[in-house]
Amino acid sequence: MSDIKNSIWETELYLKEGTVKFRCNDSWLRNWGGSYGEEEFPSGSATPDGDNIPVEAGKYHIMLNLRNYTYEFTKLED
């Protein structure tokens, strides 16, 4: 967590092409994905129990804002 007051989580990861979701404490009981039926990459609404988010391969700075329920993938230089 990078900003406790605003419920913002951030990390940098290399992702393979595929899909991702955000989950809480290594459990799928609380998870956030994209809005149903909408293409939301590299940014969009973090929907509770939402669809998998399609991603392109690459290194990303990833931000999840659980106050505003948004996410953003910013591609970085490899």
Protein backbone atom coordinates (compact mmCIF):
# COMPACT_ATOMS: atom_id res chain seq x y z
CA MET A 1 0.00 0.00 0.00
CA SER A 2 1.53 3.29 -1.05
CA ASP A 3 -1.15 5.64 0.36
CA ILE A 4 -3.12 4.37 3.36
CA LYS A 5 -5.34 7.47 3.62
CA ASN A 6 -6.52 7.15 0.00
CA SER A 7 -6.45 3.31 -0.22
CA ILE A 8 -3.95 3.25 -3.10
CA TRP A 9 -1.88 0.17 -3.85
CA GLU A 10 1.06 0.28 -6.30
CA THR A 11 3.65 -2.12 -7.66
CA GLU A 12 5.86 -2.77 -10.68
CA LEU A 13 5.61 -6.15 -12.40
CA TYR A 14 6.43 -7.89 -15.65
CA LEU A 15 3.23 -9.42 -17.04
CA LYS A 16 2.75 -12.04 -19.73
CA GLU A 17 -0.04 -11.54 -22.26
CA GLY A 18 -3.26 -12.80 -20.73
CA THR A 19 -5.68 -11.62 -18.07
CA VAL A 20 -5.40 -10.39 -14.47
CA LYS A 21 -7.58 -9.50 -11.47
CA PHE A 22 -6.78 -7.92 -8.12
CA ARG A 23 -7.45 -9.99 -5.00
CA CYS A 24 -7.20 -9.50 -1.24
CA ASN A 25 -4.96 -11.55 1.09
CA ASP A 26 -4.34 -14.38 -1.41
CA SER A 27 -8.08 -15.13 -1.46
CA TRP A 28 -10.72 -14.77 -4.18
CA LEU A 29 -13.46 -13.90 -1.65
CA ARG A 30 -12.65 -10.19 -2.20
CA ASN A 31 -11.50 -9.37 -5.72
CA TRP A 32 -11.73 -6.61 -8.31
CA GLY A 33 -11.72 -6.90 -12.09
CA GLY A 34 -12.90 -4.87 -15.05
CA SER A 35 -16.44 -3.80 -15.89
CA TYR A 36 -18.48 -6.57 -17.47
CA GLY A 37 -18.34 -6.57 -21.26
CA GLU A 38 -16.04 -3.55 -21.58
CA GLU A 39 -12.42 -3.43 -22.78
CA GLU A 40 -10.64 -1.62 -19.94
CA PHE A 41 -6.90 -1.72 -20.52
CA PRO A 42 -4.70 0.04 -19.59
CA SER A 43 -7.11 1.76 -17.17
CA GLY A 44 -10.65 1.39 -15.99
CA SER A 45 -13.13 0.83 -13.18
CA ALA A 46 -12.18 -1.74 -10.53
CA THR A 47 -15.42 -3.69 -10.22
CA PRO A 48 -15.97 -6.04 -7.25
CA ASP A 49 -16.05 -9.61 -8.64
CA GLY A 50 -15.61 -8.08 -12.12
CA ASP A 51 -14.33 -9.62 -15.34
CA ASN A 52 -10.72 -10.59 -15.89
CA ILE A 53 -8.72 -7.64 -17.26
CA PRO A 54 -6.90 -8.44 -20.54
CA VAL A 55 -3.26 -7.30 -20.51
CA GLU A 56 -0.47 -7.08 -23.04
CA ALA A 57 2.98 -8.47 -22.21
CA GLY A 58 5.43 -6.00 -20.71
CA LYS A 59 6.75 -4.35 -17.57
CA TYR A 60 4.15 -2.13 -15.85
CA HIS A 61 3.67 0.26 -12.97
CA ILE A 62 0.28 -0.86 -11.63
CA MET A 63 -1.95 1.33 -9.46
CA LEU A 64 -5.17 0.19 -7.78
CA ASN A 65 -7.25 2.90 -6.08
CA LEU A 66 -9.82 1.33 -3.75
CA ARG A 67 -11.24 4.70 -2.70
CA ASN A 68 -12.33 5.58 -6.26
CA TYR A 69 -12.40 1.96 -7.51
CA THR A 70 -10.07 2.55 -10.45
CA TYR A 71 -6.90 0.91 -11.75
CA GLU A 72 -4.17 1.89 -14.19
CA PHE A 73 -1.37 -0.03 -15.93
CA THR A 74 1.47 2.25 -17.09
CA LYS A 75 3.93 0.50 -19.43
CA LEU A 76 7.61 0.94 -18.48
CA GLU A 77 10.78 0.49 -20.48
CA ASP A 78 11.99 -3.14 -20.30
